[in-house]
């Protein structure tokens, strides 16, 4: 059975589905980040990391 939707509505439906998948992926990444405390890698210095834009990797604690 064919759908009677126009090409522009099919495009809009596809973009809606892609948007929902994208929002789900961003939320899932945020949940994982929060649960694993990965966002605390630089401590309370955000948006800098110990005073630098790019953290130094030679002094790993």
PDB file of N, CA and C in Angstrom:
ATOM      1  N   UNK A   1       0.830  -1.158   0.000  1.00  0.00           N
ATOM      2  CA  UNK A   1       0.000   0.000   0.000  1.00  0.00           C
ATOM      3  C   UNK A   1       0.888   1.239   0.000  1.00  0.00           C
ATOM      4  N   UNK A   2       0.666   2.137  -0.903  1.00  0.00           N
ATOM      5  CA  UNK A   2       1.474   3.335  -1.037  1.00  0.00           C
ATOM      6  C   UNK A   2       0.904   4.455  -0.177  1.00  0.00           C
ATOM      7  N   UNK A   3       1.800   5.244   0.328  1.00  0.00           N
ATOM      8  CA  UNK A   3       1.396   6.398   1.111  1.00  0.00           C
ATOM      9  C   UNK A   3       1.104   7.567   0.173  1.00  0.00           C
ATOM     10  N   UNK A   4       0.145   8.371   0.505  1.00  0.00           N
ATOM     11  CA  UNK A   4      -0.225   9.506  -0.323  1.00  0.00           C
ATOM     12  C   UNK A   4       0.496  10.786   0.091  1.00  0.00           C
ATOM     13  N   UNK A   5       1.561  10.676   0.865  1.00  0.00           N
ATOM     14  CA  UNK A   5       2.271  11.866   1.306  1.00  0.00           C
ATOM     15  C   UNK A   5       3.123  12.415   0.173  1.00  0.00           C
ATOM     16  N   UNK A   6       3.273  13.703   0.167  1.00  0.00           N
ATOM     17  CA  UNK A   6       4.091  14.354  -0.853  1.00  0.00           C
ATOM     18  C   UNK A   6       5.557  14.196  -0.500  1.00  0.00           C
ATOM     19  N   UNK A   7       6.452  14.419  -1.462  1.00  0.00           N
ATOM     20  CA  UNK A   7       7.885  14.284  -1.160  1.00  0.00           C
ATOM     21  C   UNK A   7       8.351  15.190  -0.022  1.00  0.00           C
ATOM     22  N   UNK A   8       7.796  16.403   0.078  1.00  0.00           N
ATOM     23  CA  UNK A   8       8.224  17.293   1.156  1.00  0.00           C
ATOM     24  C   UNK A   8       7.792  16.760   2.524  1.00  0.00           C
ATOM     25  N   UNK A   9       6.642  16.112   2.594  1.00  0.00           N
ATOM     26  CA  UNK A   9       6.210  15.541   3.872  1.00  0.00           C
ATOM     27  C   UNK A   9       7.041  14.310   4.224  1.00  0.00           C
ATOM     28  N   UNK A  10       7.461  13.540   3.236  1.00  0.00           N
ATOM     29  CA  UNK A  10       8.331  12.394   3.504  1.00  0.00           C
ATOM     30  C   UNK A  10       9.675  12.879   4.046  1.00  0.00           C
ATOM     31  N   UNK A  11      10.184  13.973   3.459  1.00  0.00           N
ATOM     32  CA  UNK A  11      11.443  14.547   3.919  1.00  0.00           C
ATOM     33  C   UNK A  11      11.297  15.029   5.364  1.00  0.00           C
ATOM     34  N   UNK A  12      10.186  15.681   5.666  1.00  0.00           N
ATOM     35  CA  UNK A  12       9.936  16.177   7.010  1.00  0.00           C
ATOM     36  C   UNK A  12       9.820  15.025   8.008  1.00  0.00           C
ATOM     37  N   UNK A  13       9.166  13.957   7.616  1.00  0.00           N
ATOM     38  CA  UNK A  13       9.038  12.792   8.489  1.00  0.00           C
ATOM     39  C   UNK A  13      10.410  12.161   8.743  1.00  0.00           C
ATOM     40  N   UNK A  14      11.227  12.064   7.706  1.00  0.00           N
ATOM     41  CA  UNK A  14      12.569  11.498   7.861  1.00  0.00           C
ATOM     42  C   UNK A  14      13.421  12.366   8.787  1.00  0.00           C
ATOM     43  N   UNK A  15      13.336  13.682   8.628  1.00  0.00           N
ATOM     44  CA  UNK A  15      14.105  14.573   9.493  1.00  0.00           C
ATOM     45  C   UNK A  15      13.619  14.493  10.949  1.00  0.00           C
ATOM     46  N   UNK A  16      12.327  14.298  11.137  1.00  0.00           N
ATOM     47  CA  UNK A  16      11.796  14.130  12.485  1.00  0.00           C
ATOM     48  C   UNK A  16      12.325  12.877  13.150  1.00  0.00           C
ATOM     49  N   UNK A  17      12.368  11.793  12.404  1.00  0.00           N
ATOM     50  CA  UNK A  17      12.884  10.533  12.936  1.00  0.00           C
ATOM     51  C   UNK A  17      14.366  10.657  13.258  1.00  0.00           C
ATOM     52  N   UNK A  18      15.129  11.288  12.365  1.00  0.00           N
ATOM     53  CA  UNK A  18      16.555  11.491  12.609  1.00  0.00           C
ATOM     54  C   UNK A  18      16.767  12.372  13.837  1.00  0.00           C
ATOM     55  N   UNK A  19      15.927  13.391  14.005  1.00  0.00           N
ATOM     56  CA  UNK A  19      16.045  14.274  15.161  1.00  0.00           C
ATOM     57  C   UNK A  19      15.769  13.534  16.464  1.00  0.00           C
ATOM     58  N   UNK A  20      14.760  12.687  16.467  1.00  0.00           N
ATOM     59  CA  UNK A  20      14.430  11.918  17.674  1.00  0.00           C
ATOM     60  C   UNK A  20      15.578  10.971  18.018  1.00  0.00           C
ATOM     61  N   UNK A  21      16.151  10.333  17.032  1.00  0.00           N
ATOM     62  CA  UNK A  21      17.293   9.438  17.273  1.00  0.00           C
ATOM     63  C   UNK A  21      18.485  10.232  17.806  1.00  0.00           C
ATOM     64  N   UNK A  22      18.719  11.417  17.242  1.00  0.00           N
ATOM     65  CA  UNK A  22      19.818  12.255  17.703  1.00  0.00           C
ATOM     66  C   UNK A  22      19.640  12.711  19.137  1.00  0.00           C
ATOM     67  N   UNK A  23      18.441  13.125  19.490  1.00  0.00           N
ATOM     68  CA  UNK A  23      18.168  13.560  20.864  1.00  0.00           C
ATOM     69  C   UNK A  23      18.328  12.390  21.824  1.00  0.00           C
ATOM     70  N   UNK A  24      17.876  11.222  21.432  1.00  0.00           N
ATOM     71  CA  UNK A  24      18.049  10.033  22.267  1.00  0.00           C
ATOM     72  C   UNK A  24      19.534   9.739  22.483  1.00  0.00           C
ATOM     73  N   UNK A  25      20.349   9.856  21.433  1.00  0.00           N
ATOM     74  CA  UNK A  25      21.787   9.589  21.546  1.00  0.00           C
ATOM     75  C   UNK A  25      22.468  10.598  22.468  1.00  0.00           C
ATOM     76  N   UNK A  26      22.106  11.878  22.354  1.00  0.00           N
ATOM     77  CA  UNK A  26      22.700  12.900  23.219  1.00  0.00           C
ATOM     78  C   UNK A  26      22.302  12.658  24.676  1.00  0.00           C
ATOM     79  N   UNK A  27      21.049  12.322  24.909  1.00  0.00           N
ATOM     80  CA  UNK A  27      20.610  12.027  26.278  1.00  0.00           C
ATOM     81  C   UNK A  27      21.314  10.799  26.838  1.00  0.00           C
ATOM     82  N   UNK A  28      21.456   9.765  26.036  1.00  0.00           N
ATOM     83  CA  UNK A  28      22.141   8.557  26.491  1.00  0.00           C
ATOM     84  C   UNK A  28      23.587   8.874  26.855  1.00  0.00           C
ATOM     85  N   UNK A  29      24.264   9.684  26.046  1.00  0.00           N
ATOM     86  CA  UNK A  29      25.649  10.067  26.355  1.00  0.00           C
ATOM     87  C   UNK A  29      25.702  10.864  27.659  1.00  0.00           C
ATOM     88  N   UNK A  30      24.733  11.738  27.878  1.00  0.00           N
ATOM     89  CA  UNK A  30      24.687  12.503  29.125  1.00  0.00           C
ATOM     90  C   UNK A  30      24.440  11.628  30.336  1.00  0.00           C
ATOM     91  N   UNK A  31      23.573  10.647  30.190  1.00  0.00           N
ATOM     92  CA  UNK A  31      23.305   9.723  31.296  1.00  0.00           C
ATOM     93  C   UNK A  31      24.562   8.920  31.638  1.00  0.00           C
ATOM     94  N   UNK A  32      25.251   8.444  30.623  1.00  0.00           N
ATOM     95  CA  UNK A  32      26.477   7.672  30.855  1.00  0.00           C
ATOM     96  C   UNK A  32      27.535   8.551  31.509  1.00  0.00           C
ATOM     97  N   UNK A  33      27.674   9.781  31.019  1.00  0.00           N
ATOM     98  CA  UNK A  33      28.647  10.716  31.584  1.00  0.00           C
ATOM     99  C   UNK A  33      28.340  10.994  33.057  1.00  0.00           C
ATOM    100  N   UNK A  34      27.085  11.194  33.368  1.00  0.00           N
ATOM    101  CA  UNK A  34      26.703  11.476  34.761  1.00  0.00           C
ATOM    102  C   UNK A  34      26.920  10.267  35.653  1.00  0.00           C
ATOM    103  N   UNK A  35      26.532   9.100  35.192  1.00  0.00           N
ATOM    104  CA  UNK A  35      26.641   7.891  36.017  1.00  0.00           C
ATOM    105  C   UNK A  35      28.081   7.465  36.262  1.00  0.00           C
ATOM    106  N   UNK A  36      28.976   7.728  35.313  1.00  0.00           N
ATOM    107  CA  UNK A  36      30.371   7.321  35.465  1.00  0.00           C
ATOM    108  C   UNK A  36      31.249   8.441  36.010  1.00  0.00           C
ATOM    109  N   UNK A  37      30.655   9.615  36.257  1.00  0.00           N
ATOM    110  CA  UNK A  37      31.373  10.787  36.768  1.00  0.00           C
ATOM    111  C   UNK A  37      32.517  11.191  35.831  1.00  0.00           C
ATOM    112  N   UNK A  38      32.360  10.965  34.559  1.00  0.00           N
ATOM    113  CA  UNK A  38      33.385  11.320  33.585  1.00  0.00           C
ATOM    114  C   UNK A  38      33.548  12.827  33.448  1.00  0.00           C
ATOM    115  N   UNK A  39      32.523  13.576  33.740  1.00  0.00           N
ATOM    116  CA  UNK A  39      32.596  15.023  33.630  1.00  0.00           C
ATOM    117  C   UNK A  39      33.465  15.663  34.703  1.00  0.00           C
ATOM    118  N   UNK A  40      33.880  14.904  35.698  1.00  0.00           N
ATOM    119  CA  UNK A  40      34.707  15.432  36.777  1.00  0.00           C
ATOM    120  C   UNK A  40      36.195  15.277  36.508  1.00  0.00           C
ATOM    121  N   UNK A  41      36.564  14.973  35.281  1.00  0.00           N
ATOM    122  CA  UNK A  41      37.969  14.750  34.941  1.00  0.00           C
ATOM    123  C   UNK A  41      38.860  15.938  35.219  1.00  0.00           C
ATOM    124  N   UNK A  42      38.349  17.148  35.058  1.00  0.00           N
ATOM    125  CA  UNK A  42      39.141  18.353  35.307  1.00  0.00           C
ATOM    126  C   UNK A  42      38.724  19.046  36.590  1.00  0.00           C
ATOM    127  N   UNK A  43      37.930  18.416  37.385  1.00  0.00           N
ATOM    128  CA  UNK A  43      37.516  19.005  38.649  1.00  0.00           C
ATOM    129  C   UNK A  43      36.535  20.149  38.454  1.00  0.00           C
ATOM    130  N   UNK A  44      36.633  21.158  39.306  1.00  0.00           N
ATOM    131  CA  UNK A  44      35.702  22.281  39.268  1.00  0.00           C
ATOM    132  C   UNK A  44      36.210  23.425  38.396  1.00  0.00           C
ATOM    133  N   UNK A  45      37.248  23.214  37.606  1.00  0.00           N
ATOM    134  CA  UNK A  45      37.848  24.261  36.781  1.00  0.00           C
ATOM    135  C   UNK A  45      37.180  24.436  35.433  1.00  0.00           C
ATOM    136  N   UNK A  46      36.069  23.760  35.191  1.00  0.00           N
ATOM    137  CA  UNK A  46      35.439  23.841  33.886  1.00  0.00           C
ATOM    138  C   UNK A  46      35.084  25.282  33.570  1.00  0.00           C
ATOM    139  N   UNK A  47      35.252  25.806  32.384  1.00  0.00           N
ATOM    140  CA  UNK A  47      35.554  25.150  31.122  1.00  0.00           C
ATOM    141  C   UNK A  47      37.039  24.954  30.878  1.00  0.00           C
ATOM    142  N   UNK A  48      37.875  25.445  31.787  1.00  0.00           N
ATOM    143  CA  UNK A  48      39.304  25.165  31.657  1.00  0.00           C
ATOM    144  C   UNK A  48      39.620  23.879  32.402  1.00  0.00           C
ATOM    145  N   UNK A  49      40.753  23.309  32.099  1.00  0.00           N
ATOM    146  CA  UNK A  49      41.180  22.089  32.788  1.00  0.00           C
ATOM    147  C   UNK A  49      42.472  22.406  33.518  1.00  0.00           C
ATOM    148  N   UNK A  50      42.375  22.661  34.793  1.00  0.00           N
ATOM    149  CA  UNK A  50      43.504  23.053  35.631  1.00  0.00           C
ATOM    150  C   UNK A  50      44.183  24.296  35.075  1.00  0.00           C
ATOM    151  N   UNK A  51      43.374  25.261  34.616  1.00  0.00           N
ATOM    152  CA  UNK A  51      43.874  26.543  34.134  1.00  0.00           C
ATOM    153  C   UNK A  51      44.284  26.579  32.676  1.00  0.00           C
ATOM    154  N   UNK A  52      44.141  25.488  31.949  1.00  0.00           N
ATOM    155  CA  UNK A  52      44.555  25.446  30.546  1.00  0.00           C
ATOM    156  C   UNK A  52      43.385  25.018  29.673  1.00  0.00           C
ATOM    157  N   UNK A  53      43.393  25.518  28.428  1.00  0.00           N
ATOM    158  CA  UNK A  53      42.343  25.122  27.490  1.00  0.00           C
ATOM    159  C   UNK A  53      42.527  23.665  27.086  1.00  0.00           C
ATOM    160  N   UNK A  54      43.785  23.280  26.822  1.00  0.00           N
ATOM    161  CA  UNK A  54      44.114  21.888  26.494  1.00  0.00           C
ATOM    162  C   UNK A  54      44.865  21.311  27.694  1.00  0.00           C
ATOM    163  N   UNK A  55      44.332  20.272  28.325  1.00  0.00           N
ATOM    164  CA  UNK A  55      44.998  19.744  29.524  1.00  0.00           C
ATOM    165  C   UNK A  55      46.332  19.093  29.201  1.00  0.00           C
ATOM    166  N   UNK A  56      47.224  19.150  30.185  1.00  0.00           N
ATOM    167  CA  UNK A  56      48.511  18.477  30.031  1.00  0.00           C
ATOM    168  C   UNK A  56      48.347  17.012  30.396  1.00  0.00           C
ATOM    169  N   UNK A  57      48.950  16.170  29.599  1.00  0.00           N
ATOM    170  CA  UNK A  57      48.809  14.732  29.806  1.00  0.00           C
ATOM    171  C   UNK A  57      50.052  14.106  30.411  1.00  0.00           C
ATOM    172  N   UNK A  58      51.068  14.899  30.663  1.00  0.00           N
ATOM    173  CA  UNK A  58      52.301  14.331  31.234  1.00  0.00           C
ATOM    174  C   UNK A  58      52.184  14.111  32.738  1.00  0.00           C
ATOM    175  N   UNK A  59      51.239  14.779  33.383  1.00  0.00           N
ATOM    176  CA  UNK A  59      51.044  14.622  34.828  1.00  0.00           C
ATOM    177  C   UNK A  59      49.699  14.002  35.087  1.00  0.00           C
ATOM    178  N   UNK A  60      49.584  12.723  34.847  1.00  0.00           N
ATOM    179  CA  UNK A  60      48.323  12.017  35.084  1.00  0.00           C
ATOM    180  C   UNK A  60      48.266  11.630  36.543  1.00  0.00           C
ATOM    181  N   UNK A  61      47.203  12.028  37.198  1.00  0.00           N
ATOM    182  CA  UNK A  61      47.069  11.740  38.637  1.00  0.00           C
ATOM    183  C   UNK A  61      46.491  10.389  38.874  1.00  0.00           C
TER     184      UNK A  61
END
